[in-house]
């Protein structure tokens, strides 16, 4: 069942692996 449109509140990058146990907050620019 389609669940969109929906407001994007989080992005996940599966190409990079987190190495920190408690990482600092990061942001990604999405449509400004």
ModelCIF file with pLDDT and N, C-alpha, C, O atoms, coordinates in Angstrom:
data_MODEL
#
_entry.id   MODEL 
#
_entity.id                         1 
_entity.type                       polymer 
_entity.pdbx_number_of_molecules   1 
#
_entity_poly.entity_id                      1 
_entity_poly.type                           'polypeptide(L)' 
_entity_poly.nstd_linkage                   no 
_entity_poly.nstd_monomer                   no 
_entity_poly.pdbx_seq_one_letter_code       
;(UNK)(UNK)(UNK)(UNK)(UNK)(UNK)(UNK)(UNK)(UNK)(UNK)(UNK)(UNK)(UNK)(UNK)(UNK)(UNK)
(UNK)(UNK)(UNK)(UNK)(UNK)(UNK)(UNK)(UNK)(UNK)(UNK)(UNK)(UNK)(UNK)(UNK)(UNK)(UNK)
;
_entity_poly.pdbx_seq_one_letter_code_can   XXXXXXXXXXXXXXXXXXXXXXXXXXXXXXXX 
_entity_poly.pdbx_strand_id                 A 
#
loop_
_entity_poly_seq.entity_id 
_entity_poly_seq.num 
_entity_poly_seq.mon_id 
_entity_poly_seq.hetero 
1 1  UNK n 
1 2  UNK n 
1 3  UNK n 
1 4  UNK n 
1 5  UNK n 
1 6  UNK n 
1 7  UNK n 
1 8  UNK n 
1 9  UNK n 
1 10 UNK n 
1 11 UNK n 
1 12 UNK n 
1 13 UNK n 
1 14 UNK n 
1 15 UNK n 
1 16 UNK n 
1 17 UNK n 
1 18 UNK n 
1 19 UNK n 
1 20 UNK n 
1 21 UNK n 
1 22 UNK n 
1 23 UNK n 
1 24 UNK n 
1 25 UNK n 
1 26 UNK n 
1 27 UNK n 
1 28 UNK n 
1 29 UNK n 
1 30 UNK n 
1 31 UNK n 
1 32 UNK n 
#
_struct_asym.id          A 
_struct_asym.entity_id   1 
#
loop_
_ma_qa_metric.id 
_ma_qa_metric.mode 
_ma_qa_metric.name 
_ma_qa_metric.software_group_id 
_ma_qa_metric.type 
1 global pLDDT . pLDDT 
2 local  pLDDT . pLDDT 
#
_ma_qa_metric_global.metric_id      1 
_ma_qa_metric_global.metric_value   93.84 
_ma_qa_metric_global.model_id       1 
_ma_qa_metric_global.ordinal_id     1 
#
loop_
_ma_qa_metric_local.label_asym_id 
_ma_qa_metric_local.label_comp_id 
_ma_qa_metric_local.label_seq_id 
_ma_qa_metric_local.metric_id 
_ma_qa_metric_local.metric_value 
_ma_qa_metric_local.model_id 
_ma_qa_metric_local.ordinal_id 
A UNK 1  2 93.00 1 1  
A UNK 2  2 93.00 1 2  
A UNK 3  2 95.00 1 3  
A UNK 4  2 87.00 1 4  
A UNK 5  2 96.00 1 5  
A UNK 6  2 97.00 1 6  
A UNK 7  2 96.00 1 7  
A UNK 8  2 97.00 1 8  
A UNK 9  2 95.00 1 9  
A UNK 10 2 97.00 1 10 
A UNK 11 2 97.00 1 11 
A UNK 12 2 98.00 1 12 
A UNK 13 2 97.00 1 13 
A UNK 14 2 97.00 1 14 
A UNK 15 2 97.00 1 15 
A UNK 16 2 96.00 1 16 
A UNK 17 2 95.00 1 17 
A UNK 18 2 94.00 1 18 
A UNK 19 2 93.00 1 19 
A UNK 20 2 91.00 1 20 
A UNK 21 2 92.00 1 21 
A UNK 22 2 91.00 1 22 
A UNK 23 2 92.00 1 23 
A UNK 24 2 90.00 1 24 
A UNK 25 2 91.00 1 25 
A UNK 26 2 94.00 1 26 
A UNK 27 2 94.00 1 27 
A UNK 28 2 93.00 1 28 
A UNK 29 2 93.00 1 29 
A UNK 30 2 93.00 1 30 
A UNK 31 2 90.00 1 31 
A UNK 32 2 89.00 1 32 
#
loop_
_atom_site.group_PDB 
_atom_site.id 
_atom_site.type_symbol 
_atom_site.label_atom_id 
_atom_site.label_alt_id 
_atom_site.label_comp_id 
_atom_site.label_asym_id 
_atom_site.label_entity_id 
_atom_site.label_seq_id 
_atom_site.pdbx_PDB_ins_code 
_atom_site.Cartn_x 
_atom_site.Cartn_y 
_atom_site.Cartn_z 
_atom_site.occupancy 
_atom_site.B_iso_or_equiv 
_atom_site.pdbx_formal_charge 
_atom_site.auth_seq_id 
_atom_site.auth_comp_id 
_atom_site.auth_asym_id 
_atom_site.auth_atom_id 
_atom_site.pdbx_PDB_model_num 
ATOM 1   N N  . UNK A 1 1  ? 0.852  -1.184 0.000  1.00 93.00 ? 1  UNK A N  1 
ATOM 2   C CA . UNK A 1 1  ? 0.000  0.000  0.000  1.00 93.00 ? 1  UNK A CA 1 
ATOM 3   C C  . UNK A 1 1  ? 0.895  1.243  0.000  1.00 93.00 ? 1  UNK A C  1 
ATOM 4   O O  . UNK A 1 1  ? 1.785  1.351  0.844  1.00 93.00 ? 1  UNK A O  1 
ATOM 5   N N  . UNK A 1 2  ? 0.682  2.173  -0.915 1.00 93.00 ? 2  UNK A N  1 
ATOM 6   C CA . UNK A 1 2  ? 1.503  3.390  -0.949 1.00 93.00 ? 2  UNK A CA 1 
ATOM 7   C C  . UNK A 1 2  ? 1.319  4.248  0.303  1.00 93.00 ? 2  UNK A C  1 
ATOM 8   O O  . UNK A 1 2  ? 0.200  4.429  0.784  1.00 93.00 ? 2  UNK A O  1 
ATOM 9   N N  . UNK A 1 3  ? 2.431  4.772  0.823  1.00 95.00 ? 3  UNK A N  1 
ATOM 10  C CA . UNK A 1 3  ? 2.394  5.604  2.029  1.00 95.00 ? 3  UNK A CA 1 
ATOM 11  C C  . UNK A 1 3  ? 2.830  7.039  1.745  1.00 95.00 ? 3  UNK A C  1 
ATOM 12  O O  . UNK A 1 3  ? 3.042  7.808  2.682  1.00 95.00 ? 3  UNK A O  1 
ATOM 13  N N  . UNK A 1 4  ? 2.968  7.410  0.495  1.00 87.00 ? 4  UNK A N  1 
ATOM 14  C CA . UNK A 1 4  ? 3.415  8.770  0.168  1.00 87.00 ? 4  UNK A CA 1 
ATOM 15  C C  . UNK A 1 4  ? 2.278  9.593  -0.360 1.00 87.00 ? 4  UNK A C  1 
ATOM 16  O O  . UNK A 1 4  ? 1.206  9.068  -0.662 1.00 87.00 ? 4  UNK A O  1 
ATOM 17  N N  . UNK A 1 5  ? 2.501  10.866 -0.472 1.00 96.00 ? 5  UNK A N  1 
ATOM 18  C CA . UNK A 1 5  ? 3.730  11.590 -0.139 1.00 96.00 ? 5  UNK A CA 1 
ATOM 19  C C  . UNK A 1 5  ? 3.920  11.713 1.373  1.00 96.00 ? 5  UNK A C  1 
ATOM 20  O O  . UNK A 1 5  ? 2.960  11.688 2.143  1.00 96.00 ? 5  UNK A O  1 
ATOM 21  N N  . UNK A 1 6  ? 5.192  11.848 1.776  1.00 97.00 ? 6  UNK A N  1 
ATOM 22  C CA . UNK A 1 6  ? 5.528  11.967 3.191  1.00 97.00 ? 6  UNK A CA 1 
ATOM 23  C C  . UNK A 1 6  ? 6.714  12.910 3.354  1.00 97.00 ? 6  UNK A C  1 
ATOM 24  O O  . UNK A 1 6  ? 7.589  12.982 2.492  1.00 97.00 ? 6  UNK A O  1 
ATOM 25  N N  . UNK A 1 7  ? 6.730  13.630 4.474  1.00 96.00 ? 7  UNK A N  1 
ATOM 26  C CA . UNK A 1 7  ? 7.797  14.587 4.782  1.00 96.00 ? 7  UNK A CA 1 
ATOM 27  C C  . UNK A 1 7  ? 9.055  13.837 5.210  1.00 96.00 ? 7  UNK A C  1 
ATOM 28  O O  . UNK A 1 7  ? 9.006  13.027 6.136  1.00 96.00 ? 7  UNK A O  1 
ATOM 29  N N  . UNK A 1 8  ? 10.183 14.098 4.543  1.00 97.00 ? 8  UNK A N  1 
ATOM 30  C CA . UNK A 1 8  ? 11.443 13.426 4.862  1.00 97.00 ? 8  UNK A CA 1 
ATOM 31  C C  . UNK A 1 8  ? 12.061 14.080 6.097  1.00 97.00 ? 8  UNK A C  1 
ATOM 32  O O  . UNK A 1 8  ? 12.347 15.277 6.103  1.00 97.00 ? 8  UNK A O  1 
ATOM 33  N N  . UNK A 1 9  ? 12.260 13.274 7.140  1.00 95.00 ? 9  UNK A N  1 
ATOM 34  C CA . UNK A 1 9  ? 12.842 13.773 8.393  1.00 95.00 ? 9  UNK A CA 1 
ATOM 35  C C  . UNK A 1 9  ? 14.187 13.133 8.707  1.00 95.00 ? 9  UNK A C  1 
ATOM 36  O O  . UNK A 1 9  ? 14.850 13.519 9.670  1.00 95.00 ? 9  UNK A O  1 
ATOM 37  N N  . UNK A 1 10 ? 14.596 12.143 7.888  1.00 97.00 ? 10 UNK A N  1 
ATOM 38  C CA . UNK A 1 10 ? 15.833 11.417 8.144  1.00 97.00 ? 10 UNK A CA 1 
ATOM 39  C C  . UNK A 1 10 ? 16.341 10.818 6.841  1.00 97.00 ? 10 UNK A C  1 
ATOM 40  O O  . UNK A 1 10 ? 15.559 10.398 5.988  1.00 97.00 ? 10 UNK A O  1 
ATOM 41  N N  . UNK A 1 11 ? 17.661 10.784 6.700  1.00 97.00 ? 11 UNK A N  1 
ATOM 42  C CA . UNK A 1 11 ? 18.297 10.113 5.564  1.00 97.00 ? 11 UNK A CA 1 
ATOM 43  C C  . UNK A 1 11 ? 19.298 9.096  6.109  1.00 97.00 ? 11 UNK A C  1 
ATOM 44  O O  . UNK A 1 11 ? 19.937 9.329  7.134  1.00 97.00 ? 11 UNK A O  1 
ATOM 45  N N  . UNK A 1 12 ? 19.425 7.969  5.412  1.00 98.00 ? 12 UNK A N  1 
ATOM 46  C CA . UNK A 1 12 ? 20.394 6.928  5.767  1.00 98.00 ? 12 UNK A CA 1 
ATOM 47  C C  . UNK A 1 12 ? 21.288 6.697  4.554  1.00 98.00 ? 12 UNK A C  1 
ATOM 48  O O  . UNK A 1 12 ? 20.794 6.514  3.441  1.00 98.00 ? 12 UNK A O  1 
ATOM 49  N N  . UNK A 1 13 ? 22.601 6.704  4.768  1.00 97.00 ? 13 UNK A N  1 
ATOM 50  C CA . UNK A 1 13 ? 23.578 6.442  3.711  1.00 97.00 ? 13 UNK A CA 1 
ATOM 51  C C  . UNK A 1 13 ? 24.182 5.061  3.949  1.00 97.00 ? 13 UNK A C  1 
ATOM 52  O O  . UNK A 1 13 ? 24.988 4.884  4.863  1.00 97.00 ? 13 UNK A O  1 
ATOM 53  N N  . UNK A 1 14 ? 23.797 4.085  3.132  1.00 97.00 ? 14 UNK A N  1 
ATOM 54  C CA . UNK A 1 14 ? 24.281 2.725  3.295  1.00 97.00 ? 14 UNK A CA 1 
ATOM 55  C C  . UNK A 1 14 ? 25.650 2.502  2.666  1.00 97.00 ? 14 UNK A C  1 
ATOM 56  O O  . UNK A 1 14 ? 26.216 1.417  2.801  1.00 97.00 ? 14 UNK A O  1 
ATOM 57  N N  . UNK A 1 15 ? 26.191 3.500  1.986  1.00 97.00 ? 15 UNK A N  1 
ATOM 58  C CA . UNK A 1 15 ? 27.514 3.381  1.375  1.00 97.00 ? 15 UNK A CA 1 
ATOM 59  C C  . UNK A 1 15 ? 28.638 3.649  2.367  1.00 97.00 ? 15 UNK A C  1 
ATOM 60  O O  . UNK A 1 15 ? 29.788 3.289  2.113  1.00 97.00 ? 15 UNK A O  1 
ATOM 61  N N  . UNK A 1 16 ? 28.321 4.270  3.477  1.00 96.00 ? 16 UNK A N  1 
ATOM 62  C CA . UNK A 1 16 ? 29.327 4.578  4.493  1.00 96.00 ? 16 UNK A CA 1 
ATOM 63  C C  . UNK A 1 16 ? 28.918 3.910  5.801  1.00 96.00 ? 16 UNK A C  1 
ATOM 64  O O  . UNK A 1 16 ? 27.733 3.848  6.131  1.00 96.00 ? 16 UNK A O  1 
ATOM 65  N N  . UNK A 1 17 ? 29.900 3.415  6.538  1.00 95.00 ? 17 UNK A N  1 
ATOM 66  C CA . UNK A 1 17 ? 29.632 2.718  7.795  1.00 95.00 ? 17 UNK A CA 1 
ATOM 67  C C  . UNK A 1 17 ? 30.011 3.602  8.971  1.00 95.00 ? 17 UNK A C  1 
ATOM 68  O O  . UNK A 1 17 ? 31.073 4.224  8.981  1.00 95.00 ? 17 UNK A O  1 
ATOM 69  N N  . UNK A 1 18 ? 29.130 3.649  9.959  1.00 94.00 ? 18 UNK A N  1 
ATOM 70  C CA . UNK A 1 18 ? 29.402 4.416  11.175 1.00 94.00 ? 18 UNK A CA 1 
ATOM 71  C C  . UNK A 1 18 ? 30.443 3.674  12.002 1.00 94.00 ? 18 UNK A C  1 
ATOM 72  O O  . UNK A 1 18 ? 30.324 2.470  12.228 1.00 94.00 ? 18 UNK A O  1 
ATOM 73  N N  . UNK A 1 19 ? 31.471 4.403  12.454 1.00 93.00 ? 19 UNK A N  1 
ATOM 74  C CA . UNK A 1 19 ? 32.511 3.799  13.277 1.00 93.00 ? 19 UNK A CA 1 
ATOM 75  C C  . UNK A 1 19 ? 32.452 4.272  14.722 1.00 93.00 ? 19 UNK A C  1 
ATOM 76  O O  . UNK A 1 19 ? 33.031 3.634  15.601 1.00 93.00 ? 19 UNK A O  1 
ATOM 77  N N  . UNK A 1 20 ? 31.776 5.360  14.977 1.00 91.00 ? 20 UNK A N  1 
ATOM 78  C CA . UNK A 1 20 ? 31.695 5.895  16.334 1.00 91.00 ? 20 UNK A CA 1 
ATOM 79  C C  . UNK A 1 20 ? 30.532 5.259  17.099 1.00 91.00 ? 20 UNK A C  1 
ATOM 80  O O  . UNK A 1 20 ? 29.462 5.014  16.542 1.00 91.00 ? 20 UNK A O  1 
ATOM 81  N N  . UNK A 1 21 ? 30.764 5.002  18.362 1.00 92.00 ? 21 UNK A N  1 
ATOM 82  C CA . UNK A 1 21 ? 29.687 4.470  19.203 1.00 92.00 ? 21 UNK A CA 1 
ATOM 83  C C  . UNK A 1 21 ? 28.608 5.517  19.424 1.00 92.00 ? 21 UNK A C  1 
ATOM 84  O O  . UNK A 1 21 ? 27.420 5.199  19.385 1.00 92.00 ? 21 UNK A O  1 
ATOM 85  N N  . UNK A 1 22 ? 29.003 6.751  19.653 1.00 91.00 ? 22 UNK A N  1 
ATOM 86  C CA . UNK A 1 22 ? 28.081 7.867  19.874 1.00 91.00 ? 22 UNK A CA 1 
ATOM 87  C C  . UNK A 1 22 ? 28.436 8.972  18.871 1.00 91.00 ? 22 UNK A C  1 
ATOM 88  O O  . UNK A 1 22 ? 29.101 9.940  19.239 1.00 91.00 ? 22 UNK A O  1 
ATOM 89  N N  . UNK A 1 23 ? 28.009 8.845  17.624 1.00 92.00 ? 23 UNK A N  1 
ATOM 90  C CA . UNK A 1 23 ? 28.426 9.801  16.590 1.00 92.00 ? 23 UNK A CA 1 
ATOM 91  C C  . UNK A 1 23 ? 27.808 11.187 16.784 1.00 92.00 ? 23 UNK A C  1 
ATOM 92  O O  . UNK A 1 23 ? 26.722 11.342 17.344 1.00 92.00 ? 23 UNK A O  1 
ATOM 93  N N  . UNK A 1 24 ? 28.539 12.172 16.301 1.00 90.00 ? 24 UNK A N  1 
ATOM 94  C CA . UNK A 1 24 ? 28.016 13.526 16.263 1.00 90.00 ? 24 UNK A CA 1 
ATOM 95  C C  . UNK A 1 24 ? 26.887 13.583 15.233 1.00 90.00 ? 24 UNK A C  1 
ATOM 96  O O  . UNK A 1 24 ? 26.858 12.796 14.287 1.00 90.00 ? 24 UNK A O  1 
ATOM 97  N N  . UNK A 1 25 ? 25.983 14.498 15.424 1.00 91.00 ? 25 UNK A N  1 
ATOM 98  C CA . UNK A 1 25 ? 24.891 14.672 14.470 1.00 91.00 ? 25 UNK A CA 1 
ATOM 99  C C  . UNK A 1 25 ? 25.453 15.121 13.126 1.00 91.00 ? 25 UNK A C  1 
ATOM 100 O O  . UNK A 1 25 ? 26.350 15.961 13.066 1.00 91.00 ? 25 UNK A O  1 
ATOM 101 N N  . UNK A 1 26 ? 24.921 14.557 12.061 1.00 94.00 ? 26 UNK A N  1 
ATOM 102 C CA . UNK A 1 26 ? 25.291 14.930 10.691 1.00 94.00 ? 26 UNK A CA 1 
ATOM 103 C C  . UNK A 1 26 ? 24.033 15.373 9.974  1.00 94.00 ? 26 UNK A C  1 
ATOM 104 O O  . UNK A 1 26 ? 22.924 14.989 10.347 1.00 94.00 ? 26 UNK A O  1 
ATOM 105 N N  . UNK A 1 27 ? 24.210 16.182 8.943  1.00 94.00 ? 27 UNK A N  1 
ATOM 106 C CA . UNK A 1 27 ? 23.094 16.582 8.095  1.00 94.00 ? 27 UNK A CA 1 
ATOM 107 C C  . UNK A 1 27 ? 23.412 16.294 6.640  1.00 94.00 ? 27 UNK A C  1 
ATOM 108 O O  . UNK A 1 27 ? 24.573 16.201 6.240  1.00 94.00 ? 27 UNK A O  1 
ATOM 109 N N  . UNK A 1 28 ? 22.360 16.157 5.868  1.00 93.00 ? 28 UNK A N  1 
ATOM 110 C CA . UNK A 1 28 ? 22.425 15.944 4.427  1.00 93.00 ? 28 UNK A CA 1 
ATOM 111 C C  . UNK A 1 28 ? 21.522 16.981 3.789  1.00 93.00 ? 28 UNK A C  1 
ATOM 112 O O  . UNK A 1 28 ? 20.383 17.155 4.222  1.00 93.00 ? 28 UNK A O  1 
ATOM 113 N N  . UNK A 1 29 ? 22.011 17.677 2.759  1.00 93.00 ? 29 UNK A N  1 
ATOM 114 C CA . UNK A 1 29 ? 21.189 18.673 2.083  1.00 93.00 ? 29 UNK A CA 1 
ATOM 115 C C  . UNK A 1 29 ? 20.254 17.974 1.094  1.00 93.00 ? 29 UNK A C  1 
ATOM 116 O O  . UNK A 1 29 ? 20.706 17.346 0.137  1.00 93.00 ? 29 UNK A O  1 
ATOM 117 N N  . UNK A 1 30 ? 18.964 18.090 1.333  1.00 93.00 ? 30 UNK A N  1 
ATOM 118 C CA . UNK A 1 30 ? 17.966 17.474 0.473  1.00 93.00 ? 30 UNK A CA 1 
ATOM 119 C C  . UNK A 1 30 ? 17.014 18.560 -0.003 1.00 93.00 ? 30 UNK A C  1 
ATOM 120 O O  . UNK A 1 30 ? 16.213 19.087 0.769  1.00 93.00 ? 30 UNK A O  1 
ATOM 121 N N  . UNK A 1 31 ? 17.115 18.880 -1.267 1.00 90.00 ? 31 UNK A N  1 
ATOM 122 C CA . UNK A 1 31 ? 16.265 19.910 -1.878 1.00 90.00 ? 31 UNK A CA 1 
ATOM 123 C C  . UNK A 1 31 ? 16.347 21.230 -1.118 1.00 90.00 ? 31 UNK A C  1 
ATOM 124 O O  . UNK A 1 31 ? 15.347 21.926 -0.944 1.00 90.00 ? 31 UNK A O  1 
ATOM 125 N N  . UNK A 1 32 ? 17.563 21.563 -0.668 1.00 89.00 ? 32 UNK A N  1 
ATOM 126 C CA . UNK A 1 32 ? 17.769 22.830 0.018  1.00 89.00 ? 32 UNK A CA 1 
ATOM 127 C C  . UNK A 1 32 ? 17.414 22.814 1.499  1.00 89.00 ? 32 UNK A C  1 
ATOM 128 O O  . UNK A 1 32 ? 17.549 23.833 2.177  1.00 89.00 ? 32 UNK A O  1 
#
